[in-house]
Amino acid sequence: MAGMKIKKGDTVVVLTGRDKGKQGSVLRAIPTENRVVVQGVNVAKRHQRQSATAQGGIVEKELPIHVSNVSHIDPKDKKPTRIGFKVMKDGSKVRVAKRSGEVIG
């Protein structure tokens, strides 16, 4: 199986589900499960017991979302785009937005 095209720090938009249309930064990528954790998306409330280090109460936490439900944001026109790969003249391999051809990150 090929690696995921979305990495930590990328800006993505959610395509389906209750958070459809929301944009956020990828906080964590989980390639073994094909999932990503996006800031402010798929937020659940968890009850936390008080401990020596953490205060108790209800904590909001982002849960993983499947990578097929998010799309990268094109750096040029800020719309969803697919990602391709291109080998530069110096031999380095970079990710490019299929929509505009712009190099990503």
C-alpha atoms as a PDB file:
ATOM      1  CA  MET A   1       0.000   0.000   0.000  1.00  0.00           C
ATOM      2  CA  ALA A   2       1.267   3.477  -0.881  1.00  0.00           C
ATOM      3  CA  GLY A   3       1.922   5.979   1.895  1.00  0.00           C
ATOM      4  CA  MET A   4      -0.542   8.688   2.838  1.00  0.00           C
ATOM      5  CA  LYS A   5      -0.308  11.933   0.887  1.00  0.00           C
ATOM      6  CA  ILE A   6      -1.398  14.027   3.876  1.00  0.00           C
ATOM      7  CA  LYS A   7       1.169  14.846   6.559  1.00  0.00           C
ATOM      8  CA  LYS A   8       1.295  16.546   9.934  1.00  0.00           C
ATOM      9  CA  GLY A   9       0.940  20.323   9.599  1.00  0.00           C
ATOM     10  CA  ASP A  10      -1.013  20.236   6.309  1.00  0.00           C
ATOM     11  CA  THR A  11      -4.175  22.342   6.007  1.00  0.00           C
ATOM     12  CA  VAL A  12      -7.146  20.190   5.036  1.00  0.00           C
ATOM     13  CA  VAL A  13     -10.915  20.516   4.557  1.00  0.00           C
ATOM     14  CA  VAL A  14     -13.447  17.889   5.678  1.00  0.00           C
ATOM     15  CA  LEU A  15     -15.510  16.522   2.764  1.00  0.00           C
ATOM     16  CA  THR A  16     -18.156  14.431   4.562  1.00  0.00           C
ATOM     17  CA  GLY A  17     -19.777  13.927   7.936  1.00  0.00           C
ATOM     18  CA  ARG A  18     -21.047  16.297  10.596  1.00  0.00           C
ATOM     19  CA  ASP A  19     -17.949  18.508  10.296  1.00  0.00           C
ATOM     20  CA  LYS A  20     -18.273  18.883   6.495  1.00  0.00           C
ATOM     21  CA  GLY A  21     -16.692  22.113   5.230  1.00  0.00           C
ATOM     22  CA  LYS A  22     -14.539  22.702   8.304  1.00  0.00           C
ATOM     23  CA  GLN A  23     -10.880  23.480   7.740  1.00  0.00           C
ATOM     24  CA  GLY A  24      -8.049  22.712  10.092  1.00  0.00           C
ATOM     25  CA  SER A  25      -4.437  21.751  10.478  1.00  0.00           C
ATOM     26  CA  VAL A  26      -3.416  18.095  10.736  1.00  0.00           C
ATOM     27  CA  LEU A  27      -2.183  17.525  14.300  1.00  0.00           C
ATOM     28  CA  ARG A  28      -1.255  13.866  13.846  1.00  0.00           C
ATOM     29  CA  ALA A  29      -1.150  11.366  10.987  1.00  0.00           C
ATOM     30  CA  ILE A  30      -1.726   7.651  11.669  1.00  0.00           C
ATOM     31  CA  PRO A  31      -0.592   5.891   8.453  1.00  0.00           C
ATOM     32  CA  THR A  32      -1.124   2.352   9.798  1.00  0.00           C
ATOM     33  CA  GLU A  33      -4.868   3.070  10.160  1.00  0.00           C
ATOM     34  CA  ASN A  34      -5.150   5.590   7.257  1.00  0.00           C
ATOM     35  CA  ARG A  35      -6.422   8.222   9.692  1.00  0.00           C
ATOM     36  CA  VAL A  36      -5.580  11.801  10.613  1.00  0.00           C
ATOM     37  CA  VAL A  37      -6.378  13.998  13.616  1.00  0.00           C
ATOM     38  CA  VAL A  38      -7.505  17.460  12.477  1.00  0.00           C
ATOM     39  CA  GLN A  39      -7.610  20.484  14.772  1.00  0.00           C
ATOM     40  CA  GLY A  40     -11.206  21.379  15.737  1.00  0.00           C
ATOM     41  CA  VAL A  41     -12.757  18.475  13.787  1.00  0.00           C
ATOM     42  CA  ASN A  42     -14.504  15.360  15.189  1.00  0.00           C
ATOM     43  CA  VAL A  43     -14.342  16.751  18.726  1.00  0.00           C
ATOM     44  CA  ALA A  44     -15.678  14.526  21.516  1.00  0.00           C
ATOM     45  CA  LYS A  45     -16.090  15.263  25.217  1.00  0.00           C
ATOM     46  CA  ARG A  46     -14.289  12.946  27.600  1.00  0.00           C
ATOM     47  CA  HIS A  47     -14.694  12.813  31.373  1.00  0.00           C
ATOM     48  CA  GLN A  48     -11.294  13.132  33.031  1.00  0.00           C
ATOM     49  CA  ARG A  49     -10.643  12.071  36.599  1.00  0.00           C
ATOM     50  CA  GLN A  50      -8.414  14.388  38.573  1.00  0.00           C
ATOM     51  CA  SER A  51      -4.828  13.236  39.012  1.00  0.00           C
ATOM     52  CA  ALA A  52      -1.621  14.704  40.418  1.00  0.00           C
ATOM     53  CA  THR A  53      -0.712  16.222  37.041  1.00  0.00           C
ATOM     54  CA  ALA A  54      -4.081  16.901  35.357  1.00  0.00           C
ATOM     55  CA  GLN A  55      -7.187  18.653  36.581  1.00  0.00           C
ATOM     56  CA  GLY A  56     -10.457  16.735  36.464  1.00  0.00           C
ATOM     57  CA  GLY A  57     -13.576  17.659  34.482  1.00  0.00           C
ATOM     58  CA  ILE A  58     -14.895  17.377  30.961  1.00  0.00           C
ATOM     59  CA  VAL A  59     -12.132  17.579  28.364  1.00  0.00           C
ATOM     60  CA  GLU A  60     -12.696  18.155  24.643  1.00  0.00           C
ATOM     61  CA  LYS A  61     -10.500  15.976  22.461  1.00  0.00           C
ATOM     62  CA  GLU A  62     -10.085  15.591  18.698  1.00  0.00           C
ATOM     63  CA  LEU A  63     -10.582  12.023  17.501  1.00  0.00           C
ATOM     64  CA  PRO A  64      -9.112  10.508  14.307  1.00  0.00           C
ATOM     65  CA  ILE A  65     -10.981  10.841  11.010  1.00  0.00           C
ATOM     66  CA  HIS A  66     -10.412   8.666   7.933  1.00  0.00           C
ATOM     67  CA  VAL A  67      -8.025  10.178   5.397  1.00  0.00           C
ATOM     68  CA  SER A  68     -10.532   9.630   2.550  1.00  0.00           C
ATOM     69  CA  ASN A  69     -12.899  12.118   4.212  1.00  0.00           C
ATOM     70  CA  VAL A  70     -10.442  15.014   4.050  1.00  0.00           C
ATOM     71  CA  SER A  71      -8.849  16.849   1.140  1.00  0.00           C
ATOM     72  CA  HIS A  72      -5.806  19.075   0.941  1.00  0.00           C
ATOM     73  CA  ILE A  73      -6.288  22.832   0.488  1.00  0.00           C
ATOM     74  CA  ASP A  74      -4.714  24.282  -2.679  1.00  0.00           C
ATOM     75  CA  PRO A  75      -2.191  26.965  -1.623  1.00  0.00           C
ATOM     76  CA  LYS A  76      -3.148  29.131  -4.624  1.00  0.00           C
ATOM     77  CA  ASP A  77      -6.969  29.390  -4.511  1.00  0.00           C
ATOM     78  CA  LYS A  78      -7.755  27.819  -1.097  1.00  0.00           C
ATOM     79  CA  LYS A  79     -10.048  25.140  -2.586  1.00  0.00           C
ATOM     80  CA  PRO A  80      -9.874  21.349  -2.128  1.00  0.00           C
ATOM     81  CA  THR A  81      -7.381  19.574  -4.376  1.00  0.00           C
ATOM     82  CA  ARG A  82      -5.893  16.175  -4.950  1.00  0.00           C
ATOM     83  CA  ILE A  83      -2.183  15.635  -4.440  1.00  0.00           C
ATOM     84  CA  GLY A  84       0.358  14.257  -6.877  1.00  0.00           C
ATOM     85  CA  PHE A  85       4.110  13.788  -6.820  1.00  0.00           C
ATOM     86  CA  LYS A  86       6.751  15.334  -9.058  1.00  0.00           C
ATOM     87  CA  VAL A  87      10.505  14.771  -9.276  1.00  0.00           C
ATOM     88  CA  MET A  88      12.373  18.076  -9.490  1.00  0.00           C
ATOM     89  CA  LYS A  89      15.495  18.674 -11.617  1.00  0.00           C
ATOM     90  CA  ASP A  90      17.731  18.305  -8.544  1.00  0.00           C
ATOM     91  CA  GLY A  91      16.282  14.810  -7.965  1.00  0.00           C
ATOM     92  CA  SER A  92      14.078  15.689  -4.978  1.00  0.00           C
ATOM     93  CA  LYS A  93      10.519  14.378  -4.894  1.00  0.00           C
ATOM     94  CA  VAL A  94       7.849  16.953  -3.939  1.00  0.00           C
ATOM     95  CA  ARG A  95       4.082  16.947  -3.486  1.00  0.00           C
ATOM     96  CA  VAL A  96       2.127  19.095  -5.930  1.00  0.00           C
ATOM     97  CA  ALA A  97      -1.508  20.241  -6.011  1.00  0.00           C
ATOM     98  CA  LYS A  98      -3.263  18.694  -9.006  1.00  0.00           C
ATOM     99  CA  ARG A  99      -5.570  21.741  -9.242  1.00  0.00           C
ATOM    100  CA  SER A 100      -2.908  24.431  -9.743  1.00  0.00           C
ATOM    101  CA  GLY A 101       0.385  22.550 -10.043  1.00  0.00           C
ATOM    102  CA  GLU A 102       1.692  24.461  -7.013  1.00  0.00           C
ATOM    103  CA  VAL A 103       4.313  22.747  -4.819  1.00  0.00           C
ATOM    104  CA  ILE A 104       2.996  21.853  -1.332  1.00  0.00           C
ATOM    105  CA  GLY A 105       5.127  22.309   1.770  1.00  0.00           C
END
